[in-house]
C-alpha cells in the first residue's frame, strides 16, 4: 500500500514540476524574486496549444522598455486566465521582470507569488 502511495505522490510532484516549465510558471516565479521591473509592449501573441487548468499557455513577443536603456525584443510564455486573455493583446503595455544576468530572460509580472 505504501509503495503505491509513494509512486502516486512522486508522479504528482514530478508531473507538476514538468508542467511548470512549459507553462513559464517556474521562470515567472524566479524572476518575480530576482528580476528588476520594466514595462513591455506586446508585439505578438501565439497559442502554444498547452493549457493549465483549462487556461492557455501563451507565447509573447515583447518590446521590452527598460528605464534609461534602449528598447529590445524578447520572447516569453506564461499561463493567462481565459477571462483575462483580452487584456494581453498586441499593443497592450504590460509589467515584466528582467533577469539581471540575462536580459533576454523576461516574464510577465502578473502573478503574486
Protein backbone atom coordinates (compact mmCIF):
# COMPACT_ATOMS: atom_id res chain seq x y z
CA UNK A 1 0.00 0.00 0.00
CA UNK A 2 2.78 2.44 0.93
CA UNK A 3 4.59 1.63 -2.29
CA UNK A 4 1.61 2.71 -4.41
CA UNK A 5 1.10 5.87 -2.38
CA UNK A 6 4.77 6.77 -2.84
CA UNK A 7 4.52 6.18 -6.60
CA UNK A 8 1.39 8.35 -6.78
CA UNK A 9 3.00 11.18 -4.80
CA UNK A 10 6.18 11.10 -6.89
CA UNK A 11 4.17 11.13 -10.11
CA UNK A 12 2.11 14.10 -8.92
CA UNK A 13 5.20 16.02 -7.76
CA UNK A 14 7.27 15.46 -10.88
CA UNK A 15 4.25 15.95 -13.13
CA UNK A 16 3.71 19.41 -11.62
CA UNK A 17 7.40 20.26 -12.00
CA UNK A 18 7.37 19.21 -15.65
CA UNK A 19 4.18 21.19 -16.34
CA UNK A 20 5.57 24.38 -14.74
CA UNK A 21 8.47 24.64 -17.19
CA UNK A 22 6.49 24.73 -20.47
CA UNK A 23 3.91 26.99 -18.84
CA UNK A 24 6.55 29.56 -17.87
CA UNK A 25 5.48 29.48 -14.24
CA UNK A 26 8.85 28.48 -12.78
CA UNK A 27 10.62 31.25 -14.71
CA UNK A 28 7.95 33.77 -13.68
CA UNK A 29 8.35 32.81 -10.03
CA UNK A 30 12.14 33.03 -10.21
CA UNK A 31 12.14 36.40 -11.97
CA UNK A 32 9.49 37.76 -9.60
CA UNK A 33 12.05 37.21 -6.83
CA UNK A 34 15.30 38.29 -8.54
CA UNK A 35 14.34 40.28 -11.64
CA UNK A 36 14.07 44.00 -12.00
CA UNK A 37 10.83 45.61 -13.14
CA UNK A 38 10.19 47.18 -16.52
CA UNK A 39 7.36 47.74 -18.97
CA UNK A 40 6.85 45.96 -22.25
CA UNK A 41 4.64 46.37 -25.28
CA UNK A 42 3.07 43.19 -26.61
CA UNK A 43 4.02 42.88 -30.27
CA UNK A 44 2.59 39.43 -30.99
CA UNK A 45 0.91 36.52 -29.22
CA UNK A 46 0.74 32.85 -30.15
CA UNK A 47 -1.18 29.92 -28.77
CA UNK A 48 1.23 27.20 -27.61
CA UNK A 49 -1.58 24.60 -27.60
CA UNK A 50 -0.80 23.90 -23.93
CA UNK A 51 -3.27 24.52 -21.13
CA UNK A 52 -3.00 24.50 -17.35
CA UNK A 53 -6.32 24.06 -15.54
CA UNK A 54 -8.07 24.94 -18.83
CA UNK A 55 -6.17 28.26 -19.09
CA UNK A 56 -4.00 28.74 -22.19
CA UNK A 57 -0.22 28.96 -22.14
CA UNK A 58 0.50 31.91 -24.41
CA UNK A 59 3.78 32.83 -26.12
CA UNK A 60 4.54 36.55 -26.34
CA UNK A 61 6.87 38.62 -28.48
CA UNK A 62 7.55 41.71 -26.39
CA UNK A 63 9.28 45.02 -26.87
CA UNK A 64 10.98 45.46 -23.51
CA UNK A 65 11.26 49.08 -22.43
CA UNK A 66 13.81 49.19 -19.58
CA UNK A 67 14.11 52.56 -17.88
CA UNK A 68 17.07 54.54 -19.21
CA UNK A 69 18.01 51.92 -21.83
CA UNK A 70 17.18 51.16 -25.45
CA UNK A 71 14.08 49.02 -26.09
CA UNK A 72 14.70 45.48 -27.31
CA UNK A 73 12.65 42.43 -28.22
CA UNK A 74 12.33 39.23 -26.21
CA UNK A 75 10.06 36.19 -26.14
CA UNK A 76 8.39 34.59 -23.15
CA UNK A 77 5.40 32.41 -22.36
CA UNK A 78 3.05 32.18 -19.44
CA UNK A 79 -0.38 30.91 -18.42
CA UNK A 80 -3.11 33.52 -18.89
CA UNK A 81 -6.55 33.19 -17.38
CA UNK A 82 -9.17 32.62 -20.08
CA UNK A 83 -11.19 35.54 -18.72
CA UNK A 84 -8.17 37.89 -19.00
CA UNK A 85 -6.86 36.98 -22.46
CA UNK A 86 -8.40 40.13 -23.98
CA UNK A 87 -6.11 42.25 -21.75
CA UNK A 88 -3.00 40.70 -23.31
CA UNK A 89 -3.34 41.62 -26.98
CA UNK A 90 -0.80 43.29 -29.32
CA UNK A 91 -0.33 46.93 -28.40
CA UNK A 92 -1.01 46.44 -24.68
CA UNK A 93 1.62 47.64 -22.21
CA UNK A 94 2.34 45.05 -19.50
CA UNK A 95 4.64 44.83 -16.48
CA UNK A 96 7.60 42.48 -16.81
CA UNK A 97 10.57 41.30 -14.78
CA UNK A 98 14.00 41.03 -16.39
CA UNK A 99 16.73 38.62 -15.34
CA UNK A 100 19.64 40.78 -14.11
CA UNK A 101 22.18 38.32 -15.60
CA UNK A 102 20.44 37.70 -18.94
CA UNK A 103 18.22 40.47 -20.30
CA UNK A 104 16.73 38.07 -22.86
CA UNK A 105 15.06 36.16 -19.98
CA UNK A 106 11.87 38.03 -19.16
CA UNK A 107 8.50 37.17 -17.74
CA UNK A 108 5.21 38.97 -17.44
CA UNK A 109 4.89 40.22 -13.88
CA UNK A 110 1.21 39.43 -13.43
CA UNK A 111 1.20 36.98 -10.53
CA UNK A 112 1.57 37.40 -6.78
CA UNK A 113 3.94 34.69 -5.61
